[in-house]
Protein backbone atom coordinates (compact mmCIF):
# COMPACT_ATOMS: atom_id res chain seq x y z
CA MET A 1 0.00 0.00 0.00
CA THR A 2 1.44 3.36 -0.97
CA THR A 3 1.88 6.22 1.46
CA GLY A 4 -0.80 8.23 -0.32
CA THR A 5 -3.28 5.38 0.07
CA LYS A 6 -2.46 5.05 3.76
CA VAL A 7 -2.93 8.78 4.30
CA PHE A 8 -6.24 8.74 2.43
CA LEU A 9 -7.54 5.76 4.42
CA GLY A 10 -6.42 7.43 7.66
CA ILE A 11 -8.27 10.62 6.80
CA LEU A 12 -11.33 8.61 5.77
CA GLY A 13 -11.28 6.69 9.06
CA ALA A 14 -10.85 9.85 11.11
CA ALA A 15 -13.73 11.51 9.27
CA ALA A 16 -15.95 8.49 9.89
CA ALA A 17 -15.07 8.50 13.59
CA GLY A 18 -15.79 12.23 13.79
CA VAL A 19 -19.18 11.81 12.16
CA ALA A 20 -20.07 8.93 14.47
CA ILE A 21 -19.03 10.82 17.61
CA GLY A 22 -20.88 13.93 16.44
CA MET A 23 -24.05 11.95 15.90
CA LEU A 24 -23.86 10.29 19.29
CA ILE A 25 -23.26 13.56 21.13
CA ALA A 26 -25.96 15.53 19.29
CA PRO A 27 -29.12 16.00 21.39
CA GLU A 28 -31.96 14.52 19.38
CA LYS A 29 -34.51 11.75 19.49
CA GLY A 30 -33.34 8.17 19.14
CA SER A 31 -35.39 7.58 16.00
CA GLU A 32 -33.90 10.66 14.33
CA LEU A 33 -30.41 9.64 15.35
CA ARG A 34 -30.91 6.12 13.97
CA ALA A 35 -32.15 7.57 10.68
CA ARG A 36 -29.11 9.87 10.44
CA VAL A 37 -26.74 7.02 11.29
CA LYS A 38 -28.41 4.82 8.68
CA ASN A 39 -28.13 7.54 6.01
CA ALA A 40 -24.52 8.31 6.91
CA ALA A 41 -23.61 4.61 6.82
CA GLY A 42 -25.26 4.29 3.42
CA ASP A 43 -23.26 7.24 2.13
CA TRP A 44 -20.01 5.74 3.44
CA VAL A 45 -20.84 2.37 1.86
CA ASP A 46 -21.49 4.09 -1.48
CA THR A 47 -18.22 6.01 -1.24
CA LEU A 48 -16.21 2.94 -0.34
CA SER A 49 -17.89 0.91 -3.08
CA ASN A 50 -16.97 3.54 -5.64
CA LEU A 51 -13.37 3.57 -4.37
CA PHE A 52 -13.24 -0.21 -4.60
CA VAL A 53 -14.56 -0.21 -8.17
CA LYS A 54 -12.10 2.50 -9.20
CA GLY A 55 -9.23 0.61 -7.58
CA LYS A 56 -10.26 -2.61 -9.29
CA GLU A 57 -10.38 -0.87 -12.67
CA GLU A 58 -6.94 0.65 -12.14
CA LEU A 59 -5.56 -2.73 -11.07
CA GLU A 60 -6.96 -4.36 -14.20
CA GLU A 61 -5.43 -1.62 -16.33
CA LEU A 62 -2.09 -2.08 -14.59
CA GLY A 63 -2.25 -5.82 -15.20
CA SER A 64 -3.02 -5.30 -18.86
CA THR A 65 -0.12 -2.88 -19.19
CA ALA A 66 2.21 -5.36 -17.48
CA VAL A 67 1.14 -8.14 -19.85
CA ASP A 68 1.74 -5.89 -22.86
CA LYS A 69 5.19 -4.89 -21.57
CA GLY A 70 6.01 -8.55 -20.93
CA ARG A 71 5.07 -9.48 -24.49
CA GLN A 72 7.18 -6.63 -25.85
CA MET A 73 10.16 -7.74 -23.80
CA LYS A 74 9.73 -11.35 -24.89
CA SER A 75 9.55 -10.30 -28.53
CA ALA A 76 12.66 -8.14 -28.18
CA ALA A 77 14.55 -10.98 -26.49
CA GLU A 78 13.52 -13.43 -29.22
CA GLU A 79 14.74 -10.97 -31.86
CA LYS A 80 18.11 -10.66 -30.16
CA VAL A 81 18.46 -14.43 -29.88
CA ASN A 82 17.60 -14.86 -33.55
CA ARG A 83 20.15 -12.20 -34.55
CA MET A 84 22.80 -13.88 -32.41
CA LYS A 85 22.02 -17.25 -34.00
CA GLU A 86 22.31 -15.71 -37.47
CA SER A 87 25.62 -14.05 -36.65
CA ILE A 88 27.03 -17.33 -35.33
CA SER A 89 25.95 -19.31 -38.40
């Protein structure tokens, strides 16, 4: 995990804790508090789901790029071997 990812997750966790503490301290009815907690949790789930999807897409793109680079390297190595064989013959 990169430093940027760790910082982002730390900020996200701190924000979630702040929201939860703020909701629990706020003077309001239990039913209203439960509704706010439910809505806030739903928002966090949506945000995290979107982050997960974006991360998955980026990982797939990275994998595809790595495969392409690997094929290019293999092709270049095969070319060099063939040239060496020809020069030896």
